[in-house]
N, C-alpha and C. Protein backbone atom coordinates (compact mmCIF):
# COMPACT_ATOMS: atom_id res chain seq x y z
N UNK A 1 5.38 -2.95 -6.84
CA UNK A 1 6.23 -1.87 -7.29
C UNK A 1 5.38 -0.68 -7.67
N UNK A 2 5.88 0.53 -7.42
CA UNK A 2 5.16 1.72 -7.81
C UNK A 2 5.10 1.84 -9.33
N UNK A 3 4.04 2.44 -9.82
CA UNK A 3 3.88 2.56 -11.25
C UNK A 3 4.12 3.96 -11.77
N UNK A 4 4.19 4.96 -10.91
CA UNK A 4 4.41 6.31 -11.41
C UNK A 4 5.89 6.56 -11.66
N UNK A 5 6.16 7.46 -12.61
CA UNK A 5 7.54 7.68 -13.06
C UNK A 5 8.38 8.37 -12.00
N UNK A 6 7.79 9.22 -11.18
CA UNK A 6 8.57 9.97 -10.20
C UNK A 6 9.19 9.06 -9.14
N UNK A 7 8.47 8.03 -8.73
CA UNK A 7 9.00 7.16 -7.69
C UNK A 7 10.03 6.16 -8.22
N UNK A 8 9.96 5.80 -9.49
CA UNK A 8 10.92 4.84 -10.03
C UNK A 8 12.15 5.53 -10.61
N UNK A 9 12.09 6.83 -10.84
CA UNK A 9 13.20 7.52 -11.46
C UNK A 9 14.47 7.47 -10.61
N UNK A 10 14.34 7.65 -9.31
CA UNK A 10 15.51 7.64 -8.44
C UNK A 10 16.04 6.25 -8.16
N UNK A 11 15.25 5.22 -8.42
CA UNK A 11 15.67 3.86 -8.10
C UNK A 11 16.18 3.09 -9.31
N UNK A 12 16.05 3.62 -10.51
CA UNK A 12 16.39 2.86 -11.71
C UNK A 12 17.88 2.52 -11.78
N UNK A 13 18.74 3.47 -11.52
CA UNK A 13 20.18 3.23 -11.63
C UNK A 13 20.69 2.30 -10.53
N UNK A 14 20.29 2.48 -9.27
CA UNK A 14 20.73 1.51 -8.26
C UNK A 14 20.25 0.09 -8.54
N UNK A 15 19.04 -0.05 -9.06
CA UNK A 15 18.56 -1.39 -9.42
C UNK A 15 19.38 -1.98 -10.55
N UNK A 16 19.78 -1.15 -11.50
CA UNK A 16 20.62 -1.62 -12.60
C UNK A 16 21.96 -2.13 -12.07
N UNK A 17 22.57 -1.37 -11.16
CA UNK A 17 23.84 -1.81 -10.59
C UNK A 17 23.68 -3.07 -9.73
N UNK A 18 22.55 -3.20 -9.07
CA UNK A 18 22.27 -4.43 -8.33
C UNK A 18 22.18 -5.61 -9.30
N UNK A 19 21.56 -5.39 -10.44
CA UNK A 19 21.48 -6.44 -11.46
C UNK A 19 22.85 -6.83 -11.98
N UNK A 20 23.72 -5.83 -12.18
CA UNK A 20 25.10 -6.15 -12.60
C UNK A 20 25.83 -6.94 -11.52
N UNK A 21 25.55 -6.62 -10.27
CA UNK A 21 26.13 -7.38 -9.17
C UNK A 21 25.68 -8.83 -9.19
N UNK A 22 24.39 -9.05 -9.49
CA UNK A 22 23.90 -10.42 -9.59
C UNK A 22 24.58 -11.17 -10.73
N UNK A 23 24.83 -10.48 -11.83
CA UNK A 23 25.51 -11.14 -12.95
C UNK A 23 26.93 -11.53 -12.56
N UNK A 24 27.62 -10.65 -11.84
CA UNK A 24 28.97 -10.99 -11.37
C UNK A 24 28.93 -12.15 -10.37
N UNK A 25 27.93 -12.13 -9.49
CA UNK A 25 27.77 -13.23 -8.54
C UNK A 25 27.51 -14.54 -9.27
N UNK A 26 26.67 -14.48 -10.29
CA UNK A 26 26.39 -15.69 -11.07
C UNK A 26 27.62 -16.23 -11.78
N UNK A 27 28.47 -15.31 -12.27
CA UNK A 27 29.71 -15.75 -12.92
C UNK A 27 30.63 -16.45 -11.92
N UNK A 28 30.72 -15.89 -10.72
CA UNK A 28 31.55 -16.52 -9.69
C UNK A 28 31.01 -17.87 -9.26
N UNK A 29 29.69 -17.95 -9.09
CA UNK A 29 29.08 -19.23 -8.70
C UNK A 29 29.18 -20.26 -9.82
N UNK A 30 29.11 -19.80 -11.06
CA UNK A 30 29.25 -20.71 -12.19
C UNK A 30 30.65 -21.34 -12.18
N UNK A 31 31.65 -20.53 -11.88
CA UNK A 31 33.02 -21.04 -11.82
C UNK A 31 33.19 -21.99 -10.64
N UNK A 32 32.61 -21.64 -9.50
CA UNK A 32 32.76 -22.45 -8.30
C UNK A 32 32.05 -23.80 -8.42
N UNK A 33 30.80 -23.79 -8.90
CA UNK A 33 30.02 -25.03 -8.98
C UNK A 33 30.17 -25.76 -10.32
N UNK A 34 30.85 -25.15 -11.29
CA UNK A 34 31.04 -25.75 -12.62
C UNK A 34 29.69 -26.12 -13.24
N UNK A 35 28.76 -25.18 -13.18
CA UNK A 35 27.42 -25.38 -13.71
C UNK A 35 26.92 -24.07 -14.30
N UNK A 36 26.07 -24.14 -15.31
CA UNK A 36 25.52 -22.95 -15.94
C UNK A 36 24.26 -22.43 -15.24
N UNK A 37 23.71 -23.22 -14.33
CA UNK A 37 22.46 -22.85 -13.67
C UNK A 37 22.60 -21.56 -12.86
N UNK A 38 23.64 -21.36 -12.05
CA UNK A 38 23.74 -20.09 -11.31
C UNK A 38 23.83 -18.87 -12.23
N UNK A 39 24.56 -19.00 -13.32
CA UNK A 39 24.69 -17.87 -14.25
C UNK A 39 23.36 -17.57 -14.91
N UNK A 40 22.62 -18.58 -15.27
CA UNK A 40 21.31 -18.37 -15.89
C UNK A 40 20.35 -17.69 -14.93
N UNK A 41 20.34 -18.13 -13.68
CA UNK A 41 19.43 -17.55 -12.70
C UNK A 41 19.81 -16.10 -12.39
N UNK A 42 21.09 -15.85 -12.20
CA UNK A 42 21.52 -14.49 -11.86
C UNK A 42 21.41 -13.56 -13.07
N UNK A 43 21.64 -14.06 -14.26
CA UNK A 43 21.48 -13.21 -15.45
C UNK A 43 20.01 -12.85 -15.65
N UNK A 44 19.11 -13.77 -15.35
CA UNK A 44 17.68 -13.45 -15.43
C UNK A 44 17.32 -12.36 -14.45
N UNK A 45 17.85 -12.43 -13.25
CA UNK A 45 17.59 -11.39 -12.26
C UNK A 45 18.19 -10.06 -12.73
N UNK A 46 19.35 -10.10 -13.34
CA UNK A 46 19.98 -8.88 -13.84
C UNK A 46 19.16 -8.22 -14.93
N UNK A 47 18.60 -9.02 -15.82
CA UNK A 47 17.76 -8.47 -16.88
C UNK A 47 16.49 -7.86 -16.30
N UNK A 48 15.88 -8.55 -15.34
CA UNK A 48 14.66 -8.01 -14.74
C UNK A 48 14.93 -6.71 -13.97
N UNK A 49 16.09 -6.62 -13.32
CA UNK A 49 16.41 -5.41 -12.57
C UNK A 49 16.82 -4.25 -13.47
N UNK A 50 17.19 -4.52 -14.71
CA UNK A 50 17.55 -3.43 -15.63
C UNK A 50 16.32 -2.89 -16.36
N UNK A 51 15.17 -3.53 -16.26
CA UNK A 51 13.97 -3.09 -16.97
C UNK A 51 13.53 -1.67 -16.57
N UNK A 52 13.56 -1.27 -15.29
CA UNK A 52 13.16 0.11 -14.97
C UNK A 52 14.04 1.17 -15.63
N UNK A 53 15.34 0.90 -15.75
CA UNK A 53 16.22 1.86 -16.39
C UNK A 53 15.92 1.96 -17.88
N UNK A 54 15.67 0.84 -18.51
CA UNK A 54 15.33 0.84 -19.94
C UNK A 54 14.02 1.59 -20.16
N UNK A 55 13.02 1.35 -19.32
CA UNK A 55 11.75 2.07 -19.44
C UNK A 55 11.95 3.57 -19.26
N UNK A 56 12.77 3.97 -18.30
CA UNK A 56 13.03 5.37 -18.06
C UNK A 56 13.71 6.01 -19.27
N UNK A 57 14.69 5.33 -19.86
CA UNK A 57 15.39 5.87 -21.02
C UNK A 57 14.47 5.97 -22.23
N UNK A 58 13.59 4.98 -22.41
CA UNK A 58 12.65 5.03 -23.53
C UNK A 58 11.68 6.19 -23.35
N UNK A 59 11.16 6.37 -22.13
CA UNK A 59 10.26 7.50 -21.87
C UNK A 59 10.95 8.83 -22.14
N UNK A 60 12.20 8.95 -21.73
CA UNK A 60 12.95 10.19 -21.96
C UNK A 60 13.17 10.42 -23.45
N UNK A 61 13.52 9.37 -24.19
CA UNK A 61 13.74 9.49 -25.63
C UNK A 61 12.45 9.87 -26.35
N UNK A 62 11.34 9.22 -26.00
CA UNK A 62 10.08 9.52 -26.65
C UNK A 62 9.61 10.92 -26.30
N UNK A 63 9.87 11.37 -25.08
CA UNK A 63 9.51 12.73 -24.70
C UNK A 63 10.24 13.76 -25.51
N UNK A 64 11.52 13.57 -25.73
CA UNK A 64 12.30 14.50 -26.55
C UNK A 64 11.84 14.46 -28.00
N UNK A 65 11.52 13.27 -28.46
CA UNK A 65 11.09 13.13 -29.84
C UNK A 65 9.76 13.84 -30.08
N UNK A 66 8.85 13.75 -29.11
CA UNK A 66 7.56 14.42 -29.22
C UNK A 66 7.75 15.94 -29.17
N UNK A 67 8.71 16.41 -28.34
CA UNK A 67 8.99 17.85 -28.27
C UNK A 67 9.55 18.38 -29.59
N UNK A 68 10.39 17.61 -30.24
CA UNK A 68 10.98 18.04 -31.51
C UNK A 68 9.95 18.06 -32.62
N UNK A 69 9.01 17.12 -32.62
CA UNK A 69 8.00 17.09 -33.67
C UNK A 69 6.97 18.20 -33.50
N UNK A 70 6.82 18.72 -32.28
CA UNK A 70 5.87 19.81 -32.02
C UNK A 70 6.40 21.14 -32.54
N UNK A 71 7.72 21.26 -32.68
CA UNK A 71 8.32 22.53 -33.14
C UNK A 71 8.15 22.75 -34.59
């Protein structure tokens, strides 16, 4: 995965929605197979796919905070 902010900025939201899709898929598979394993696996993937969005939001928040303290 790229490490610079410019390349991950455009992909953070689609990855987040893909993670939500995995969570929905896990819920459906959990109902179909009557097991918690699909939900656990898909929820883990959802959490991992939401990490770039969380990092982007934290960077944005810290950037604004640093700008306010400089004034």
